[in-house]
Amino acid sequence: MSVTTVSVRPVLADILPGGTQTARRAVGARDVALVLGGAAFVAIVGQAVVPLPFTPVPLTLGTFGVLLVGAALGPVRGAASIAVMLLAGLAGAPVFADGTSGWAFASFGYAVGYLPAAACLGWLARRGGDRSPWRTALAAVAATALVYLVGVPWLMAYLGVGLAAGLALGVVPFLVGDAIKAVAAALLLPGTWRLLGERR
């Protein structure tokens, strides 16, 4: 009986200068810089906000930033980037959408959902999930679903509404935008691999 295993592949951060196998064995200054850069990137792109009058959850580019950071850094560094951003926001830094900080706001659950989303996308990228447009799109959909899985229950509890209202306020208005983000990731990530050349 044979067992088929999925090979673990490098992510984009691994092929940057200094990303050799030896350099990746231990956490060092390079990894810290990548984690901090990932946190800053998600925080910055998340400031691109379009308020929607019919829901307290704004339309942002934060999820798109999470997709890119998770795929580019891998599961550990990607999740660490989001953890750093969350801790900074809880400490009072205005890193959440529209310069928000703390936790007592309607969309905080979505920011928490970025953590499993980044880990998921990074895990899939380690297995080639960012090498083709179709695989990248499916990986982006899976990661985005995790954002909703955490964000919608928080929204429901914060507003004191049921599941139907939670879906109407926290999912339905964003489906088209998330589909566009998935398509953009499906074009950008495999295209970057083709430009740089995949190092095996």
N, C-alpha and C. Protein backbone atom coordinates (compact mmCIF):
# COMPACT_ATOMS: atom_id res chain seq x y z
N MET A 1 0.85 -1.19 0.00
CA MET A 1 0.00 0.00 0.00
C MET A 1 0.88 1.24 0.00
N SER A 2 0.60 2.17 -0.88
CA SER A 2 1.39 3.39 -0.97
C SER A 2 0.64 4.56 -0.38
N VAL A 3 1.39 5.45 0.20
CA VAL A 3 0.80 6.65 0.79
C VAL A 3 1.28 7.85 -0.01
N THR A 4 0.34 8.64 -0.51
CA THR A 4 0.69 9.83 -1.28
C THR A 4 0.80 11.02 -0.35
N THR A 5 1.91 11.70 -0.40
CA THR A 5 2.11 12.88 0.45
C THR A 5 2.18 14.12 -0.43
N VAL A 6 1.72 15.22 0.12
CA VAL A 6 1.79 16.49 -0.58
C VAL A 6 3.07 17.19 -0.18
N SER A 7 3.89 17.54 -1.14
CA SER A 7 5.16 18.16 -0.84
C SER A 7 4.96 19.58 -0.30
N VAL A 8 5.80 19.93 0.65
CA VAL A 8 5.78 21.28 1.20
C VAL A 8 6.69 22.14 0.34
N ARG A 9 6.16 23.25 -0.12
CA ARG A 9 6.88 24.10 -1.05
C ARG A 9 7.26 25.43 -0.39
N PRO A 10 8.20 26.13 -0.99
CA PRO A 10 8.52 27.47 -0.47
C PRO A 10 7.38 28.44 -0.74
N VAL A 11 7.28 29.46 0.09
CA VAL A 11 6.37 30.56 -0.18
C VAL A 11 7.21 31.71 -0.73
N LEU A 12 6.55 32.77 -1.14
CA LEU A 12 7.26 33.87 -1.79
C LEU A 12 8.36 34.47 -0.91
N ALA A 13 8.11 34.58 0.39
CA ALA A 13 9.12 35.15 1.28
C ALA A 13 10.38 34.30 1.32
N ASP A 14 10.26 33.00 1.06
CA ASP A 14 11.41 32.11 1.12
C ASP A 14 12.40 32.33 -0.02
N ILE A 15 11.92 32.93 -1.12
CA ILE A 15 12.84 33.11 -2.25
C ILE A 15 13.42 34.52 -2.30
N LEU A 16 13.08 35.33 -1.30
CA LEU A 16 13.70 36.64 -1.19
C LEU A 16 15.16 36.47 -0.77
N PRO A 17 15.99 37.46 -1.01
CA PRO A 17 17.39 37.35 -0.54
C PRO A 17 17.46 37.03 0.94
N GLY A 18 18.29 36.06 1.27
CA GLY A 18 18.41 35.63 2.66
C GLY A 18 17.46 34.53 3.03
N GLY A 19 16.65 34.07 2.09
CA GLY A 19 15.66 33.05 2.40
C GLY A 19 16.10 31.65 2.05
N THR A 20 17.36 31.33 2.27
CA THR A 20 17.86 30.00 1.97
C THR A 20 17.34 29.01 3.00
N GLN A 21 17.52 27.73 2.72
CA GLN A 21 17.10 26.69 3.66
C GLN A 21 17.75 26.90 5.02
N THR A 22 19.04 27.24 5.02
CA THR A 22 19.75 27.45 6.29
C THR A 22 19.16 28.62 7.05
N ALA A 23 18.85 29.70 6.33
CA ALA A 23 18.31 30.89 6.99
C ALA A 23 16.93 30.64 7.55
N ARG A 24 16.17 29.69 6.97
CA ARG A 24 14.81 29.45 7.42
C ARG A 24 14.73 28.52 8.62
N ARG A 25 15.85 27.97 9.04
CA ARG A 25 15.80 26.99 10.12
C ARG A 25 15.56 27.62 11.48
N ALA A 26 15.93 28.81 11.66
CA ALA A 26 15.77 29.47 12.95
C ALA A 26 15.12 30.83 12.75
N VAL A 27 14.37 31.20 13.78
CA VAL A 27 13.75 32.52 13.73
C VAL A 27 14.83 33.56 13.98
N GLY A 28 14.94 34.52 13.08
CA GLY A 28 15.94 35.54 13.23
C GLY A 28 15.39 36.90 12.88
N ALA A 29 16.29 37.83 12.68
CA ALA A 29 15.89 39.20 12.39
C ALA A 29 15.08 39.28 11.11
N ARG A 30 15.41 38.45 10.13
CA ARG A 30 14.69 38.46 8.87
C ARG A 30 13.22 38.08 9.07
N ASP A 31 12.99 37.03 9.87
CA ASP A 31 11.62 36.61 10.14
C ASP A 31 10.84 37.67 10.90
N VAL A 32 11.50 38.28 11.87
CA VAL A 32 10.85 39.36 12.64
C VAL A 32 10.48 40.50 11.71
N ALA A 33 11.38 40.87 10.81
CA ALA A 33 11.09 41.94 9.86
C ALA A 33 9.93 41.58 8.95
N LEU A 34 9.87 40.33 8.50
CA LEU A 34 8.76 39.89 7.65
C LEU A 34 7.43 39.94 8.40
N VAL A 35 7.44 39.50 9.66
CA VAL A 35 6.22 39.51 10.47
C VAL A 35 5.74 40.94 10.70
N LEU A 36 6.66 41.81 11.09
CA LEU A 36 6.29 43.21 11.33
C LEU A 36 5.83 43.89 10.04
N GLY A 37 6.52 43.59 8.94
CA GLY A 37 6.10 44.14 7.65
C GLY A 37 4.73 43.66 7.24
N GLY A 38 4.45 42.36 7.49
CA GLY A 38 3.12 41.83 7.18
C GLY A 38 2.03 42.49 8.00
N ALA A 39 2.31 42.69 9.29
CA ALA A 39 1.34 43.36 10.17
C ALA A 39 1.07 44.78 9.69
N ALA A 40 2.14 45.50 9.35
CA ALA A 40 1.99 46.88 8.88
C ALA A 40 1.22 46.93 7.56
N PHE A 41 1.51 45.97 6.68
CA PHE A 41 0.84 45.96 5.37
C PHE A 41 -0.66 45.76 5.53
N VAL A 42 -1.07 44.79 6.35
CA VAL A 42 -2.50 44.55 6.55
C VAL A 42 -3.16 45.76 7.20
N ALA A 43 -2.48 46.36 8.18
CA ALA A 43 -3.04 47.54 8.85
C ALA A 43 -3.20 48.70 7.88
N ILE A 44 -2.23 48.88 6.99
CA ILE A 44 -2.29 50.02 6.06
C ILE A 44 -3.37 49.82 5.00
N VAL A 45 -3.40 48.64 4.36
CA VAL A 45 -4.41 48.44 3.32
C VAL A 45 -5.81 48.39 3.93
N GLY A 46 -5.89 48.00 5.20
CA GLY A 46 -7.19 47.98 5.88
C GLY A 46 -7.77 49.36 6.11
N GLN A 47 -6.96 50.40 5.94
CA GLN A 47 -7.46 51.76 6.10
C GLN A 47 -8.23 52.24 4.87
N ALA A 48 -8.16 51.48 3.78
CA ALA A 48 -8.98 51.80 2.60
C ALA A 48 -10.40 51.33 2.90
N VAL A 49 -11.25 52.25 3.31
CA VAL A 49 -12.57 51.93 3.86
C VAL A 49 -13.66 52.60 3.05
N VAL A 50 -14.72 51.83 2.77
CA VAL A 50 -15.94 52.38 2.18
C VAL A 50 -17.07 52.09 3.15
N PRO A 51 -17.54 53.10 3.91
CA PRO A 51 -18.66 52.86 4.84
C PRO A 51 -19.93 52.51 4.06
N LEU A 52 -20.69 51.59 4.61
CA LEU A 52 -21.97 51.21 4.01
C LEU A 52 -23.08 51.64 4.94
N PRO A 53 -24.07 52.38 4.45
CA PRO A 53 -25.08 52.95 5.34
C PRO A 53 -26.01 51.91 5.97
N PHE A 54 -26.09 50.72 5.41
CA PHE A 54 -27.04 49.72 5.90
C PHE A 54 -26.42 48.66 6.79
N THR A 55 -25.12 48.80 7.12
CA THR A 55 -24.45 47.85 8.02
C THR A 55 -23.33 48.57 8.76
N PRO A 56 -23.07 48.17 10.01
CA PRO A 56 -21.97 48.79 10.74
C PRO A 56 -20.59 48.25 10.33
N VAL A 57 -20.58 47.26 9.47
CA VAL A 57 -19.31 46.68 9.00
C VAL A 57 -18.91 47.38 7.71
N PRO A 58 -17.75 48.03 7.67
CA PRO A 58 -17.35 48.73 6.45
C PRO A 58 -16.74 47.78 5.43
N LEU A 59 -16.75 48.22 4.20
CA LEU A 59 -16.05 47.50 3.13
C LEU A 59 -14.60 47.97 3.14
N THR A 60 -13.65 47.03 3.29
CA THR A 60 -12.23 47.40 3.36
C THR A 60 -11.40 46.46 2.48
N LEU A 61 -10.14 46.80 2.35
CA LEU A 61 -9.19 45.93 1.65
C LEU A 61 -8.42 45.04 2.63
N GLY A 62 -8.83 45.04 3.88
CA GLY A 62 -8.12 44.26 4.88
C GLY A 62 -8.03 42.78 4.54
N THR A 63 -9.14 42.20 4.10
CA THR A 63 -9.13 40.78 3.77
C THR A 63 -8.17 40.48 2.63
N PHE A 64 -8.11 41.37 1.65
CA PHE A 64 -7.18 41.19 0.54
C PHE A 64 -5.74 41.22 1.04
N GLY A 65 -5.46 42.14 1.97
CA GLY A 65 -4.12 42.19 2.56
C GLY A 65 -3.78 40.90 3.29
N VAL A 66 -4.75 40.33 3.99
CA VAL A 66 -4.54 39.07 4.71
C VAL A 66 -4.24 37.94 3.74
N LEU A 67 -4.96 37.89 2.62
CA LEU A 67 -4.71 36.85 1.62
C LEU A 67 -3.27 36.92 1.12
N LEU A 68 -2.82 38.13 0.81
CA LEU A 68 -1.47 38.30 0.28
C LEU A 68 -0.41 37.97 1.33
N VAL A 69 -0.61 38.45 2.55
CA VAL A 69 0.36 38.20 3.61
C VAL A 69 0.43 36.71 3.96
N GLY A 70 -0.73 36.07 4.08
CA GLY A 70 -0.74 34.65 4.39
C GLY A 70 -0.03 33.83 3.34
N ALA A 71 -0.32 34.11 2.06
CA ALA A 71 0.31 33.37 0.97
C ALA A 71 1.80 33.67 0.87
N ALA A 72 2.17 34.92 1.03
CA ALA A 72 3.57 35.31 0.84
C ALA A 72 4.47 34.87 1.99
N LEU A 73 3.95 34.87 3.23
CA LEU A 73 4.78 34.58 4.39
C LEU A 73 4.66 33.15 4.88
N GLY A 74 3.60 32.44 4.50
CA GLY A 74 3.38 31.10 5.01
C GLY A 74 2.55 31.12 6.28
N PRO A 75 2.17 29.94 6.78
CA PRO A 75 1.22 29.90 7.89
C PRO A 75 1.72 30.49 9.20
N VAL A 76 2.97 30.24 9.56
CA VAL A 76 3.48 30.69 10.85
C VAL A 76 3.71 32.19 10.85
N ARG A 77 4.49 32.67 9.88
CA ARG A 77 4.78 34.11 9.84
C ARG A 77 3.52 34.91 9.49
N GLY A 78 2.66 34.35 8.63
CA GLY A 78 1.42 35.06 8.29
C GLY A 78 0.53 35.23 9.51
N ALA A 79 0.32 34.14 10.25
CA ALA A 79 -0.50 34.22 11.46
C ALA A 79 0.15 35.12 12.51
N ALA A 80 1.48 35.07 12.61
CA ALA A 80 2.18 35.93 13.56
C ALA A 80 1.99 37.40 13.21
N SER A 81 1.97 37.72 11.92
CA SER A 81 1.74 39.10 11.49
C SER A 81 0.38 39.60 11.97
N ILE A 82 -0.64 38.76 11.80
CA ILE A 82 -1.98 39.16 12.24
C ILE A 82 -2.03 39.25 13.76
N ALA A 83 -1.37 38.34 14.46
CA ALA A 83 -1.35 38.41 15.92
C ALA A 83 -0.71 39.71 16.40
N VAL A 84 0.37 40.13 15.74
CA VAL A 84 1.02 41.39 16.10
C VAL A 84 0.06 42.56 15.88
N MET A 85 -0.63 42.55 14.73
CA MET A 85 -1.57 43.63 14.45
C MET A 85 -2.70 43.66 15.48
N LEU A 86 -3.24 42.48 15.83
CA LEU A 86 -4.31 42.41 16.82
C LEU A 86 -3.85 42.94 18.18
N LEU A 87 -2.67 42.52 18.59
CA LEU A 87 -2.15 42.99 19.88
C LEU A 87 -1.93 44.49 19.87
N ALA A 88 -1.43 45.01 18.75
CA ALA A 88 -1.23 46.46 18.65
C ALA A 88 -2.57 47.18 18.73
N GLY A 89 -3.58 46.66 18.05
CA GLY A 89 -4.90 47.28 18.09
C GLY A 89 -5.52 47.23 19.46
N LEU A 90 -5.37 46.11 20.14
CA LEU A 90 -5.91 45.99 21.49
C LEU A 90 -5.19 46.91 22.47
N ALA A 91 -3.91 47.21 22.16
CA ALA A 91 -3.14 48.12 23.01
C ALA A 91 -3.45 49.58 22.74
N GLY A 92 -4.26 49.85 21.69
CA GLY A 92 -4.65 51.22 21.42
C GLY A 92 -4.14 51.80 20.11
N ALA A 93 -3.32 51.08 19.39
CA ALA A 93 -2.83 51.59 18.10
C ALA A 93 -3.98 51.56 17.07
N PRO A 94 -4.11 52.58 16.25
CA PRO A 94 -5.25 52.67 15.31
C PRO A 94 -5.01 51.82 14.05
N VAL A 95 -4.90 50.51 14.22
CA VAL A 95 -4.53 49.64 13.11
C VAL A 95 -5.72 48.97 12.44
N PHE A 96 -6.89 49.02 13.07
CA PHE A 96 -8.05 48.39 12.46
C PHE A 96 -8.71 49.35 11.46
N ALA A 97 -9.71 48.87 10.76
CA ALA A 97 -10.35 49.65 9.71
C ALA A 97 -10.77 51.03 10.20
N ASP A 98 -10.47 52.03 9.39
CA ASP A 98 -10.83 53.41 9.67
C ASP A 98 -10.17 53.94 10.94
N GLY A 99 -8.97 53.43 11.25
CA GLY A 99 -8.23 53.93 12.40
C GLY A 99 -8.79 53.51 13.74
N THR A 100 -9.55 52.43 13.77
CA THR A 100 -10.15 51.96 15.01
C THR A 100 -9.13 51.18 15.83
N SER A 101 -9.31 51.18 17.14
CA SER A 101 -8.50 50.36 18.03
C SER A 101 -9.40 49.76 19.10
N GLY A 102 -8.82 48.93 19.97
CA GLY A 102 -9.62 48.28 21.00
C GLY A 102 -10.38 47.09 20.45
N TRP A 103 -11.45 46.71 21.13
CA TRP A 103 -12.22 45.55 20.70
C TRP A 103 -13.73 45.80 20.67
N ALA A 104 -14.18 46.88 21.26
CA ALA A 104 -15.62 47.11 21.41
C ALA A 104 -16.22 47.81 20.19
N PHE A 105 -16.18 47.12 19.06
CA PHE A 105 -16.85 47.64 17.86
C PHE A 105 -17.34 46.47 17.03
N ALA A 106 -18.28 46.75 16.15
CA ALA A 106 -19.04 45.70 15.48
C ALA A 106 -18.18 44.77 14.63
N SER A 107 -17.14 45.29 14.00
CA SER A 107 -16.37 44.48 13.06
C SER A 107 -15.10 43.89 13.65
N PHE A 108 -14.93 43.95 14.98
CA PHE A 108 -13.72 43.41 15.59
C PHE A 108 -13.57 41.91 15.30
N GLY A 109 -14.68 41.19 15.27
CA GLY A 109 -14.62 39.75 15.01
C GLY A 109 -13.99 39.42 13.67
N TYR A 110 -14.18 40.31 12.69
CA TYR A 110 -13.57 40.08 11.38
C TYR A 110 -12.06 40.20 11.47
N ALA A 111 -11.59 41.17 12.27
CA ALA A 111 -10.15 41.31 12.45
C ALA A 111 -9.57 40.07 13.13
N VAL A 112 -10.29 39.52 14.10
CA VAL A 112 -9.84 38.28 14.74
C VAL A 112 -9.84 37.13 13.73
N GLY A 113 -10.83 37.13 12.84
CA GLY A 113 -10.90 36.10 11.81
C GLY A 113 -9.75 36.15 10.82
N TYR A 114 -9.06 37.27 10.77
CA TYR A 114 -7.87 37.36 9.90
C TYR A 114 -6.80 36.35 10.32
N LEU A 115 -6.76 36.01 11.61
CA LEU A 115 -5.71 35.12 12.11
C LEU A 115 -5.82 33.71 11.50
N PRO A 116 -6.97 33.03 11.64
CA PRO A 116 -7.06 31.72 10.99
C PRO A 116 -7.02 31.82 9.47
N ALA A 117 -7.50 32.93 8.91
CA ALA A 117 -7.47 33.09 7.46
C ALA A 117 -6.04 33.14 6.93
N ALA A 118 -5.18 33.89 7.61
CA ALA A 118 -3.78 33.97 7.19
C ALA A 118 -3.09 32.63 7.33
N ALA A 119 -3.37 31.93 8.44
CA ALA A 119 -2.77 30.61 8.64
C ALA A 119 -3.24 29.63 7.57
N CYS A 120 -4.53 29.68 7.25
CA CYS A 120 -5.09 28.79 6.22
C CYS A 120 -4.47 29.05 4.86
N LEU A 121 -4.43 30.31 4.45
CA LEU A 121 -3.86 30.64 3.14
C LEU A 121 -2.38 30.28 3.09
N GLY A 122 -1.66 30.52 4.18
CA GLY A 122 -0.25 30.16 4.24
C GLY A 122 -0.04 28.66 4.15
N TRP A 123 -0.88 27.90 4.83
CA TRP A 123 -0.78 26.43 4.80
C TRP A 123 -1.04 25.93 3.38
N LEU A 124 -2.04 26.49 2.74
CA LEU A 124 -2.35 26.07 1.37
C LEU A 124 -1.25 26.50 0.40
N ALA A 125 -0.67 27.68 0.63
CA ALA A 125 0.43 28.13 -0.24
C ALA A 125 1.63 27.21 -0.11
N ARG A 126 1.89 26.72 1.09
CA ARG A 126 2.99 25.77 1.30
C ARG A 126 2.78 24.48 0.50
N ARG A 127 1.55 24.24 0.07
CA ARG A 127 1.22 23.05 -0.68
C ARG A 127 0.83 23.37 -2.12
N GLY A 128 1.29 24.51 -2.60
CA GLY A 128 1.08 24.88 -3.99
C GLY A 128 -0.24 25.57 -4.27
N GLY A 129 -0.94 25.99 -3.23
CA GLY A 129 -2.24 26.62 -3.42
C GLY A 129 -2.21 27.99 -4.03
N ASP A 130 -1.02 28.57 -4.20
CA ASP A 130 -0.92 29.89 -4.81
C ASP A 130 -0.19 29.85 -6.15
N ARG A 131 -0.08 28.66 -6.73
CA ARG A 131 0.69 28.53 -7.97
C ARG A 131 -0.15 28.63 -9.24
N SER A 132 -1.44 28.36 -9.13
CA SER A 132 -2.31 28.47 -10.31
C SER A 132 -3.52 29.34 -9.96
N PRO A 133 -4.12 30.01 -10.95
CA PRO A 133 -5.27 30.88 -10.65
C PRO A 133 -6.42 30.15 -9.97
N TRP A 134 -6.76 28.95 -10.44
CA TRP A 134 -7.90 28.25 -9.85
C TRP A 134 -7.62 27.85 -8.41
N ARG A 135 -6.45 27.30 -8.15
CA ARG A 135 -6.12 26.90 -6.78
C ARG A 135 -6.05 28.11 -5.86
N THR A 136 -5.50 29.21 -6.37
CA THR A 136 -5.42 30.42 -5.55
C THR A 136 -6.81 30.96 -5.24
N ALA A 137 -7.69 30.96 -6.22
CA ALA A 137 -9.06 31.45 -6.00
C ALA A 137 -9.76 30.60 -4.95
N LEU A 138 -9.62 29.27 -5.04
CA LEU A 138 -10.25 28.39 -4.06
C LEU A 138 -9.65 28.59 -2.67
N ALA A 139 -8.34 28.77 -2.62
CA ALA A 139 -7.69 29.02 -1.33
C ALA A 139 -8.17 30.34 -0.73
N ALA A 140 -8.34 31.35 -1.57
CA ALA A 140 -8.82 32.65 -1.10
C ALA A 140 -10.24 32.54 -0.56
N VAL A 141 -11.08 31.77 -1.24
CA VAL A 141 -12.46 31.56 -0.77
C VAL A 141 -12.46 30.86 0.59
N ALA A 142 -11.63 29.83 0.73
CA ALA A 142 -11.56 29.11 2.01
C ALA A 142 -11.10 30.03 3.14
N ALA A 143 -10.08 30.84 2.88
CA ALA A 143 -9.57 31.75 3.90
C ALA A 143 -10.61 32.81 4.27
N THR A 144 -11.29 33.34 3.26
CA THR A 144 -12.32 34.36 3.51
C THR A 144 -13.47 33.79 4.32
N ALA A 145 -13.81 32.52 4.09
CA ALA A 145 -14.88 31.88 4.86
C ALA A 145 -14.53 31.85 6.35
N LEU A 146 -13.25 31.69 6.66
CA LEU A 146 -12.84 31.69 8.07
C LEU A 146 -13.01 33.07 8.70
N VAL A 147 -12.80 34.13 7.91
CA VAL A 147 -13.04 35.48 8.42
C VAL A 147 -14.51 35.63 8.80
N TYR A 148 -15.40 35.16 7.94
CA TYR A 148 -16.84 35.22 8.24
C TYR A 148 -17.19 34.34 9.44
N LEU A 149 -16.55 33.19 9.54
CA LEU A 149 -16.87 32.24 10.60
C LEU A 149 -16.65 32.85 11.99
N VAL A 150 -15.68 33.75 12.09
CA VAL A 150 -15.42 34.43 13.36
C VAL A 150 -16.17 35.77 13.41
N GLY A 151 -16.19 36.48 12.30
CA GLY A 151 -16.74 37.83 12.30
C GLY A 151 -18.25 37.89 12.49
N VAL A 152 -18.98 36.99 11.86
CA VAL A 152 -20.45 37.05 11.93
C VAL A 152 -20.97 36.76 13.34
N PRO A 153 -20.50 35.72 14.04
CA PRO A 153 -20.98 35.53 15.42
C PRO A 153 -20.68 36.73 16.32
N TRP A 154 -19.48 37.35 16.14
CA TRP A 154 -19.18 38.55 16.94
C TRP A 154 -20.18 39.66 16.61
N LEU A 155 -20.44 39.87 15.34
CA LEU A 155 -21.39 40.91 14.93
C LEU A 155 -22.77 40.65 15.52
N MET A 156 -23.21 39.40 15.46
CA MET A 156 -24.52 39.05 16.01
C MET A 156 -24.60 39.33 17.50
N ALA A 157 -23.53 38.96 18.23
CA ALA A 157 -23.53 39.20 19.67
C ALA A 157 -23.45 40.69 19.98
N TYR A 158 -22.66 41.42 19.21
CA TYR A 158 -22.49 42.86 19.44
C TYR A 158 -23.80 43.61 19.22
N LEU A 159 -24.52 43.23 18.16
CA LEU A 159 -25.77 43.92 17.82
C LEU A 159 -26.99 43.28 18.48
N GLY A 160 -26.84 42.07 19.01
CA GLY A 160 -27.97 41.38 19.60
C GLY A 160 -28.99 40.94 18.56
N VAL A 161 -28.51 40.44 17.43
CA VAL A 161 -29.41 40.01 16.35
C VAL A 161 -29.21 38.52 16.09
N GLY A 162 -30.15 37.93 15.34
CA GLY A 162 -30.09 36.52 15.01
C GLY A 162 -29.27 36.24 13.78
N LEU A 163 -29.27 34.97 13.38
CA LEU A 163 -28.43 34.53 12.27
C LEU A 163 -28.83 35.20 10.96
N ALA A 164 -30.12 35.30 10.69
CA ALA A 164 -30.56 35.89 9.42
C ALA A 164 -30.08 37.33 9.30
N ALA A 165 -30.25 38.09 10.36
CA ALA A 165 -29.79 39.48 10.34
C ALA A 165 -28.27 39.56 10.28
N GLY A 166 -27.61 38.65 10.99
CA GLY A 166 -26.15 38.64 10.95
C GLY A 166 -25.62 38.39 9.54
N LEU A 167 -26.24 37.45 8.83
CA LEU A 167 -25.83 37.18 7.45
C LEU A 167 -26.15 38.36 6.54
N ALA A 168 -27.31 38.98 6.76
CA ALA A 168 -27.71 40.11 5.92
C ALA A 168 -26.81 41.32 6.12
N LEU A 169 -26.34 41.50 7.36
CA LEU A 169 -25.50 42.66 7.67
C LEU A 169 -24.01 42.38 7.50
N GLY A 170 -23.61 41.13 7.70
CA GLY A 170 -22.19 40.84 7.77
C GLY A 170 -21.62 39.94 6.70
N VAL A 171 -22.46 39.42 5.80
CA VAL A 171 -21.96 38.55 4.74
C VAL A 171 -22.42 39.01 3.36
N VAL A 172 -23.73 39.09 3.19
CA VAL A 172 -24.31 39.36 1.86
C VAL A 172 -23.75 40.63 1.21
N PRO A 173 -23.61 41.74 1.95
CA PRO A 173 -23.11 42.96 1.28
C PRO A 173 -21.67 42.86 0.77
N PHE A 174 -20.94 41.84 1.22
CA PHE A 174 -19.51 41.77 0.92
C PHE A 174 -19.13 40.65 -0.05
N LEU A 175 -20.11 39.87 -0.48
CA LEU A 175 -19.80 38.71 -1.31
C LEU A 175 -19.18 39.12 -2.65
N VAL A 176 -19.73 40.15 -3.28
CA VAL A 176 -19.19 40.58 -4.57
C VAL A 176 -17.76 41.10 -4.40
N GLY A 177 -17.55 41.92 -3.38
CA GLY A 177 -16.22 42.44 -3.12
C GLY A 177 -15.22 41.34 -2.82
N ASP A 178 -15.64 40.34 -2.05
CA ASP A 178 -14.73 39.24 -1.73
C ASP A 178 -14.44 38.39 -2.96
N ALA A 179 -15.40 38.26 -3.84
CA ALA A 179 -15.16 37.54 -5.09
C ALA A 179 -14.12 38.28 -5.93
N ILE A 180 -14.21 39.61 -5.95
CA ILE A 180 -13.23 40.41 -6.70
C ILE A 180 -11.84 40.26 -6.08
N LYS A 181 -11.76 40.25 -4.75
CA LYS A 181 -10.48 40.07 -4.07
C LYS A 181 -9.89 38.71 -4.38
N ALA A 182 -10.74 37.67 -4.43
CA ALA A 182 -10.25 36.33 -4.74
C ALA A 182 -9.70 36.27 -6.16
N VAL A 183 -10.39 36.93 -7.09
CA VAL A 183 -9.92 36.96 -8.47
C VAL A 183 -8.60 37.72 -8.56
N ALA A 184 -8.51 38.85 -7.84
CA ALA A 184 -7.27 39.64 -7.85
C ALA A 184 -6.11 38.82 -7.30
N ALA A 185 -6.35 38.10 -6.20
CA ALA A 185 -5.30 37.25 -5.64
C ALA A 185 -4.93 36.14 -6.61
N ALA A 186 -5.94 35.60 -7.31
CA ALA A 186 -5.70 34.51 -8.27
C ALA A 186 -4.88 34.98 -9.46
N LEU A 187 -4.91 36.26 -9.75
CA LEU A 187 -4.08 36.81 -10.83
C LEU A 187 -2.70 37.23 -10.31
N LEU A 188 -2.68 37.84 -9.14
CA LEU A 188 -1.44 38.42 -8.62
C LEU A 188 -0.44 37.36 -8.13
N LEU A 189 -0.90 36.41 -7.32
CA LEU A 189 0.04 35.46 -6.72
C LEU A 189 0.66 34.51 -7.75
N PRO A 190 -0.11 33.81 -8.58
CA PRO A 190 0.53 32.97 -9.59
C PRO A 190 1.36 33.78 -10.58
N GLY A 191 0.91 34.99 -10.88
CA GLY A 191 1.67 35.85 -11.78
C GLY A 191 3.01 36.22 -11.19
N THR A 192 3.06 36.45 -9.88
CA THR A 192 4.32 36.76 -9.21
C THR A 192 5.27 35.56 -9.27
N TRP A 193 4.72 34.37 -9.08
CA TRP A 193 5.56 33.17 -9.19
C TRP A 193 6.14 33.03 -10.59
N ARG A 194 5.35 33.32 -11.59
CA ARG A 194 5.84 33.21 -12.96
C ARG A 194 6.94 34.24 -13.24
N LEU A 195 6.78 35.44 -12.67
CA LEU A 195 7.79 36.48 -12.88
C LEU A 195 9.11 36.15 -12.17
N LEU A 196 9.00 35.66 -10.95
CA LEU A 196 10.19 35.41 -10.16
C LEU A 196 10.83 34.06 -10.46
N GLY A 197 10.01 33.13 -10.91
CA GLY A 197 10.51 31.78 -11.12
C GLY A 197 10.44 31.00 -9.82
N GLU A 198 9.86 29.83 -9.85
CA GLU A 198 9.67 29.06 -8.62
C GLU A 198 10.95 28.33 -8.26
N ARG A 199 11.44 28.56 -7.04
CA ARG A 199 12.63 27.90 -6.53
C ARG A 199 12.20 26.66 -5.75
N ARG A 200 12.64 25.50 -6.16
CA ARG A 200 12.24 24.27 -5.51
C ARG A 200 13.35 23.77 -4.59
